[in-house]
Protein backbone atom coordinates (compact mmCIF):
# COMPACT_ATOMS: atom_id res chain seq x y z
CA MET A 1 -181.98 35.84 68.58
CA LEU A 2 -184.06 32.88 67.45
CA ASN A 3 -183.76 29.72 69.47
CA TRP A 4 -183.00 26.92 67.01
CA SER A 5 -182.62 24.31 69.73
CA TRP A 6 -186.31 23.97 70.67
CA ASN A 7 -187.22 21.61 67.86
CA ARG A 8 -184.56 19.05 68.65
CA HIS A 9 -186.64 17.74 71.54
CA ASP A 10 -190.00 18.17 69.86
CA PRO A 11 -191.35 14.70 68.94
CA LEU A 12 -193.42 16.12 66.10
CA ALA A 13 -190.43 17.87 64.65
CA ALA A 14 -188.31 14.75 64.99
CA SER A 15 -190.97 12.71 63.30
CA ALA A 16 -191.16 15.18 60.43
CA GLU A 17 -187.37 15.17 60.18
CA GLY A 18 -187.31 11.37 59.95
CA ASP A 19 -189.96 11.34 57.25
CA GLU A 20 -187.66 13.20 54.91
CA THR A 21 -185.72 10.03 54.31
CA LYS A 22 -188.81 8.07 53.20
CA ILE A 23 -189.50 7.50 49.50
CA LEU A 24 -192.79 9.04 48.49
CA GLU A 25 -195.05 6.61 46.63
CA PRO A 26 -196.54 7.92 43.35
CA THR A 27 -200.18 8.98 43.55
CA PRO A 28 -202.36 6.72 41.43
CA PRO A 29 -204.07 8.48 38.52
CA PRO A 30 -207.69 9.46 39.14
CA ILE A 31 -210.30 7.05 37.85
CA VAL A 32 -212.18 8.68 35.00
CA GLU A 33 -215.61 7.23 34.43
CA VAL A 34 -216.52 6.77 30.77
CA PRO A 35 -219.98 8.29 30.37
CA LYS A 36 -222.69 5.81 29.49
CA LYS A 37 -224.23 6.27 26.08
CA ALA A 38 -227.72 5.38 24.95
CA LYS A 39 -228.01 3.37 21.75
CA LEU A 40 -229.80 4.87 18.78
CA ALA A 41 -233.08 3.54 17.47
CA LEU A 42 -233.13 4.39 13.77
CA ALA A 43 -236.30 5.03 11.80
CA LEU A 44 -235.24 4.79 8.15
CA GLY A 45 -237.82 6.35 5.85
CA GLY A 46 -238.96 5.47 2.36
CA GLY A 47 -238.04 7.40 -0.76
CA ALA A 48 -237.14 4.95 -3.54
CA ALA A 49 -233.82 5.96 -5.16
CA ARG A 50 -233.18 8.59 -2.49
CA GLY A 51 -232.99 5.73 -0.02
CA TRP A 52 -229.39 4.97 -0.95
CA ALA A 53 -228.63 7.92 1.36
CA HIS A 54 -229.32 5.55 4.27
CA ILE A 55 -226.07 3.76 3.42
CA GLY A 56 -224.13 6.99 3.96
CA VAL A 57 -225.97 7.60 7.24
CA LEU A 58 -224.99 4.18 8.60
CA ARG A 59 -221.40 4.58 7.40
CA ALA A 60 -221.08 7.86 9.28
CA LEU A 61 -222.54 6.41 12.48
CA ASP A 62 -220.14 3.46 12.38
CA GLU A 63 -217.18 5.75 11.70
CA ALA A 64 -218.12 7.93 14.70
CA GLY A 65 -218.54 4.88 16.96
CA ILE A 66 -222.24 5.53 17.57
CA GLU A 67 -223.99 2.25 18.28
CA VAL A 68 -227.36 1.43 16.75
CA GLY A 69 -229.71 -0.47 19.07
CA MET A 70 -232.56 -1.23 16.65
CA ILE A 71 -233.82 -0.32 13.18
CA ALA A 72 -237.33 0.19 11.89
CA GLY A 73 -237.48 0.66 8.14
CA THR A 74 -240.04 1.49 5.50
CA SER A 75 -239.59 0.62 1.82
CA ILE A 76 -235.95 1.14 0.82
CA GLY A 77 -235.24 2.07 4.44
CA ALA A 78 -236.15 -1.50 5.34
CA LEU A 79 -233.90 -2.84 2.58
CA VAL A 80 -230.85 -0.87 3.71
CA GLY A 81 -231.52 -1.42 7.42
CA GLY A 82 -232.03 -5.16 7.01
CA CYS A 83 -228.83 -5.56 4.99
CA TYR A 84 -226.93 -3.52 7.58
CA LEU A 85 -228.03 -5.69 10.50
CA ALA A 86 -227.32 -8.81 8.44
CA GLY A 87 -223.73 -7.63 7.91
CA LYS A 88 -224.25 -7.15 4.16
CA LEU A 89 -223.97 -3.37 3.86
CA ASP A 90 -220.71 -3.60 1.90
CA GLU A 91 -222.32 -5.84 -0.69
CA LEU A 92 -225.36 -3.58 -0.96
CA GLU A 93 -223.22 -0.46 -1.41
CA THR A 94 -221.13 -2.15 -4.09
CA PHE A 95 -224.33 -3.15 -5.89
CA ALA A 96 -225.85 0.34 -5.58
CA ARG A 97 -222.75 2.16 -6.85
CA SER A 98 -222.50 -0.21 -9.82
CA LEU A 99 -225.98 0.61 -11.11
CA THR A 100 -226.28 2.25 -14.52
CA MET A 101 -229.37 2.87 -16.62
CA ARG A 102 -228.60 -0.26 -18.62
CA ARG A 103 -228.05 -2.44 -15.54
CA ILE A 104 -231.28 -1.18 -14.00
CA ALA A 105 -233.18 -2.12 -17.17
CA GLY A 106 -231.64 -5.59 -16.98
CA LEU A 107 -232.99 -6.09 -13.46
CA LEU A 108 -236.57 -5.21 -14.39
CA ASP A 109 -238.86 -8.07 -15.36
CA LEU A 110 -242.01 -6.73 -16.98
CA THR A 111 -245.23 -8.59 -16.24
CA ILE A 112 -248.60 -8.56 -18.01
CA GLY A 113 -251.78 -9.01 -16.05
CA GLY A 114 -250.13 -8.96 -12.64
CA GLY A 115 -250.55 -6.55 -9.76
CA GLY A 116 -247.62 -4.42 -10.92
CA LEU A 117 -245.54 -3.56 -13.95
CA LEU A 118 -242.56 -5.43 -12.51
CA GLY A 119 -242.46 -8.90 -11.04
CA GLY A 120 -239.41 -8.17 -8.91
CA MET A 121 -238.06 -11.72 -9.12
CA ARG A 122 -234.75 -10.66 -10.64
CA LEU A 123 -234.16 -8.33 -7.71
CA THR A 124 -235.22 -11.09 -5.33
CA LYS A 125 -232.65 -13.45 -6.86
CA ARG A 126 -229.94 -10.86 -6.25
CA MET A 127 -230.99 -10.62 -2.60
CA GLN A 128 -231.03 -14.40 -2.27
CA GLU A 129 -227.33 -14.50 -3.16
CA HIS A 130 -226.57 -12.81 0.16
CA LEU A 131 -229.65 -13.17 2.40
CA GLU A 132 -231.11 -16.57 1.57
CA GLY A 133 -232.09 -18.57 4.64
CA LEU A 134 -231.75 -15.62 7.00
CA SER A 135 -234.64 -14.88 9.33
CA ILE A 136 -235.24 -11.65 11.20
CA GLU A 137 -234.69 -13.52 14.46
CA ASP A 138 -231.12 -14.28 13.32
CA LEU A 139 -230.19 -10.60 13.45
CA ASP A 140 -228.30 -9.45 16.54
CA ARG A 141 -230.59 -6.44 17.11
CA PRO A 142 -234.33 -5.84 16.76
CA PHE A 143 -235.49 -5.11 13.22
CA VAL A 144 -238.96 -4.21 11.96
CA SER A 145 -240.00 -3.66 8.35
CA VAL A 146 -243.23 -1.76 7.74
CA ALA A 147 -245.70 -2.84 5.06
CA THR A 148 -249.33 -2.11 4.20
CA GLU A 149 -252.11 -4.67 3.87
CA LEU A 150 -253.69 -3.92 0.52
CA HIS A 151 -257.29 -4.97 1.20
CA THR A 152 -257.71 -3.41 4.65
CA GLY A 153 -255.16 -0.59 4.72
CA HIS A 154 -253.72 -1.93 7.98
CA GLU A 155 -250.16 -1.01 8.94
CA VAL A 156 -248.21 -4.27 9.20
CA TRP A 157 -245.04 -4.61 11.30
CA ILE A 158 -242.91 -7.56 10.22
CA SER A 159 -240.58 -8.46 13.09
CA SER A 160 -240.05 -12.18 12.54
CA GLY A 161 -239.82 -14.73 9.78
CA SER A 162 -238.04 -14.56 6.42
CA LEU A 163 -235.88 -11.46 6.07
CA ILE A 164 -236.19 -11.40 2.27
CA THR A 165 -239.98 -11.60 2.41
CA GLY A 166 -240.11 -8.79 4.95
CA LEU A 167 -237.95 -6.57 2.74
CA ARG A 168 -239.88 -7.34 -0.45
CA ALA A 169 -243.22 -6.59 1.20
CA SER A 170 -241.98 -3.26 2.52
CA TYR A 171 -240.82 -1.92 -0.87
CA ALA A 172 -243.62 -3.37 -3.06
CA LEU A 173 -244.65 -0.01 -4.55
CA PRO A 174 -248.26 -0.35 -5.81
CA GLY A 175 -248.51 -0.44 -9.59
CA ILE A 176 -244.74 -0.90 -9.96
CA PHE A 177 -243.93 -4.10 -8.04
CA GLU A 178 -246.33 -6.97 -7.59
CA PRO A 179 -247.80 -7.27 -4.08
CA VAL A 180 -246.33 -9.91 -1.79
CA LYS A 181 -248.58 -12.72 -0.58
CA CYS A 182 -247.67 -13.54 3.02
CA ASN A 183 -249.73 -15.64 5.49
CA ASN A 184 -253.04 -14.87 3.77
CA ARG A 185 -252.27 -11.17 3.58
CA THR A 186 -251.51 -9.13 0.46
CA LEU A 187 -248.76 -6.67 1.35
CA VAL A 188 -247.53 -3.55 -0.44
CA ASP A 189 -245.19 -0.63 0.28
CA GLY A 190 -245.23 0.55 3.90
CA ALA A 191 -244.79 4.19 2.88
CA LEU A 192 -248.52 4.32 2.15
CA VAL A 193 -249.20 4.33 5.90
CA ASN A 194 -245.94 5.13 7.72
CA PRO A 195 -243.21 6.70 5.56
CA VAL A 196 -240.85 7.44 8.49
CA PRO A 197 -241.54 4.81 11.20
CA THR A 198 -240.63 6.63 14.40
CA SER A 199 -243.79 5.21 15.99
CA VAL A 200 -242.35 1.70 15.67
CA CYS A 201 -239.26 2.66 17.66
CA ARG A 202 -241.44 4.30 20.32
CA ALA A 203 -243.54 1.15 20.60
CA TYR A 204 -240.33 -0.80 21.31
CA GLU A 205 -239.66 1.61 24.20
CA GLN A 206 -236.46 2.97 22.72
CA PRO A 207 -235.23 6.05 24.63
CA LEU A 208 -233.40 7.79 21.77
CA VAL A 209 -235.13 7.77 18.38
CA VAL A 210 -233.42 9.23 15.33
CA ALA A 211 -235.35 9.51 12.07
CA VAL A 212 -233.94 9.79 8.55
CA ASN A 213 -236.47 11.66 6.43
CA LEU A 214 -235.66 11.48 2.73
CA ASN A 215 -238.47 13.80 1.68
CA TYR A 216 -237.77 16.82 3.87
CA GLU A 217 -236.83 19.10 0.97
CA ILE A 218 -239.88 17.97 -0.97
CA PHE A 219 -242.09 19.71 1.59
CA GLY A 220 -244.02 22.74 0.38
CA ARG A 221 -246.58 20.87 -1.70
CA SER A 222 -249.29 21.46 0.88
CA ALA A 223 -250.43 24.86 -0.36
CA VAL A 224 -254.08 25.48 -1.22
CA VAL A 225 -254.59 27.12 -4.62
CA LYS A 226 -257.81 28.80 -5.68
CA HIS A 227 -258.24 28.03 -9.35
CA ASN A 228 -260.62 28.89 -12.17
CA ALA A 229 -261.92 26.01 -14.27
CA SER A 230 -261.69 27.13 -17.87
CA VAL A 231 -263.59 25.58 -20.77
CA GLN A 232 -261.49 22.85 -22.32
CA PRO A 233 -261.25 22.63 -26.11
CA ILE A 234 -262.18 19.40 -27.80
CA ASP A 235 -259.11 17.20 -28.12
CA ASP A 236 -258.53 16.55 -31.80
CA GLY A 237 -255.55 14.32 -31.08
CA ARG A 238 -252.97 16.79 -32.35
CA LYS A 239 -250.19 17.66 -29.90
CA LYS A 240 -249.30 21.24 -29.27
CA PRO A 241 -245.75 22.35 -28.36
CA GLU A 242 -246.86 23.62 -24.95
CA ASP A 243 -248.62 20.37 -24.03
CA ILE A 244 -247.12 18.57 -21.06
CA ARG A 245 -247.42 14.83 -21.39
CA VAL A 246 -246.91 12.70 -18.33
CA GLY A 247 -246.59 8.98 -18.82
CA LEU A 248 -248.29 6.30 -16.75
CA THR A 249 -245.20 5.56 -14.66
CA GLY A 250 -244.45 9.25 -14.15
CA THR A 251 -247.99 9.92 -13.00
CA MET A 252 -247.90 7.03 -10.52
CA VAL A 253 -244.52 8.06 -9.13
CA GLN A 254 -245.55 11.69 -8.69
CA ALA A 255 -248.82 10.68 -7.03
CA PHE A 256 -246.94 8.42 -4.63
CA ASN A 257 -244.47 11.21 -3.94
CA ILE A 258 -247.30 13.55 -2.91
CA ILE A 259 -248.99 10.91 -0.76
CA GLN A 260 -245.74 10.06 1.01
CA GLU A 261 -244.89 13.70 1.67
CA ARG A 262 -248.33 14.50 3.11
CA ILE A 263 -248.39 11.44 5.35
CA SER A 264 -244.83 12.12 6.54
CA ARG A 265 -245.82 15.59 7.69
CA ALA A 266 -248.81 14.30 9.63
CA ARG A 267 -247.08 11.29 11.24
CA LEU A 268 -243.93 13.19 12.26
CA ALA A 269 -245.97 16.06 13.71
CA GLY A 270 -247.91 13.64 15.89
CA ASP A 271 -244.95 11.49 16.92
CA PRO A 272 -241.71 13.44 16.35
CA PRO A 273 -238.28 11.81 16.75
CA ASP A 274 -235.70 13.08 19.21
CA LEU A 275 -233.53 14.08 16.26
CA ALA A 276 -234.20 14.03 12.52
CA LEU A 277 -231.63 13.81 9.74
CA HIS A 278 -232.55 15.50 6.47
CA PRO A 279 -230.14 14.69 3.61
CA ARG A 280 -230.38 17.15 0.70
CA LEU A 281 -231.98 14.96 -1.97
CA ALA A 282 -234.61 17.11 -3.67
CA ASP A 283 -232.90 16.94 -7.07
CA ILE A 284 -232.68 13.13 -7.08
CA GLY A 285 -235.76 11.57 -8.62
CA LEU A 286 -237.52 8.59 -7.10
CA SER A 287 -236.49 6.40 -10.03
CA GLU A 288 -232.88 7.61 -10.42
CA PHE A 289 -231.28 4.58 -8.78
CA HIS A 290 -228.16 5.10 -10.90
CA ARG A 291 -227.31 8.18 -8.79
CA ALA A 292 -226.53 6.03 -5.76
CA GLY A 293 -223.07 7.54 -5.26
CA GLU A 294 -224.49 11.05 -4.87
CA ALA A 295 -227.21 9.93 -2.47
CA ILE A 296 -224.79 7.93 -0.31
CA ASP A 297 -222.39 10.86 -0.06
CA ARG A 298 -225.16 13.27 0.92
CA GLY A 299 -226.43 10.93 3.61
CA TYR A 300 -222.90 10.69 4.99
CA THR A 301 -222.40 14.46 4.93
CA GLU A 302 -225.69 15.19 6.71
CA THR A 303 -224.97 12.66 9.45
CA MET A 304 -221.41 13.82 10.06
CA ALA A 305 -222.74 17.36 10.53
CA GLN A 306 -224.95 16.06 13.37
CA ILE A 307 -222.45 13.75 15.09
CA SER A 308 -221.73 16.12 17.99
CA ALA A 309 -225.47 16.55 18.65
CA LEU A 310 -225.99 12.78 18.50
CA LYS A 311 -223.20 12.10 20.99
CA ARG A 312 -224.49 14.73 23.38
CA MET A 313 -227.99 13.27 23.21
CA GLN A 314 -226.60 9.78 23.83
CA GLU A 315 -225.08 10.93 27.13
CA VAL A 316 -228.21 12.84 28.18
CA PHE A 317 -230.55 9.91 27.49
CA ALA A 318 -228.26 7.47 29.32
CA ARG A 319 -228.55 9.33 32.65
């Protein structure tokens, strides 16, 4: 038979018996550390009308709670990035979505004898309604717009001074917009030298660089074709049905498209971003600014598809 009396005189047993009457305090919940996240440095590339896709990219990042630490922009990438950091993205999107062929024609001011077909002052007046008096130093995060010095070919990084001047210089497409005179320099579109400015973000020692390349689907124009030069008939001025006529503006735009695509390939191969976003924009022409809604939506869709990868990279780069 078991002896049940032994534990009555056992001090340990008595102590355990007395503890049964105590009220157990609730265990505090474990402290869960929120993982640190690196901020994104965005390199927003040039691409004329395709650049409205940058608005969709920024909308998706904000919606996902991914913080942008700095922006380097070329051409329309500078325009969208500058407006975003100035808190004017809503106004820019409203303006972009309202564009029609007629409204675009109303914004163009043709010039004769200048450095471009368009003076750009009507567009500048629209920017002044929202950005007048703002300097780049007023922005709460670093911002750099990339331009090209016309006479020397130097790559120019504008990181201080008038925000409007910096934006105008970055999108002054040669032959279309007049060059911008700034501190004894003549500046034109930055896409001539750095279409997707990842190198700018690297120079600012940003750990996580994300590029938005608007010309990714335009790649494939780098083939070498062996061709036979046939004898050309004398042009008698009469047009044939099979003749393909390309106007002055069309020729300039296509030439710029080829230049930008070739330079993008070379620059990104030498200094690749940590992640690149490639909105599907091949069917949107460089001058089709009235298709802003489509471009914005495609930029949003492409970014949302990469949100999980972006968040994972944020945590990795923050360690």
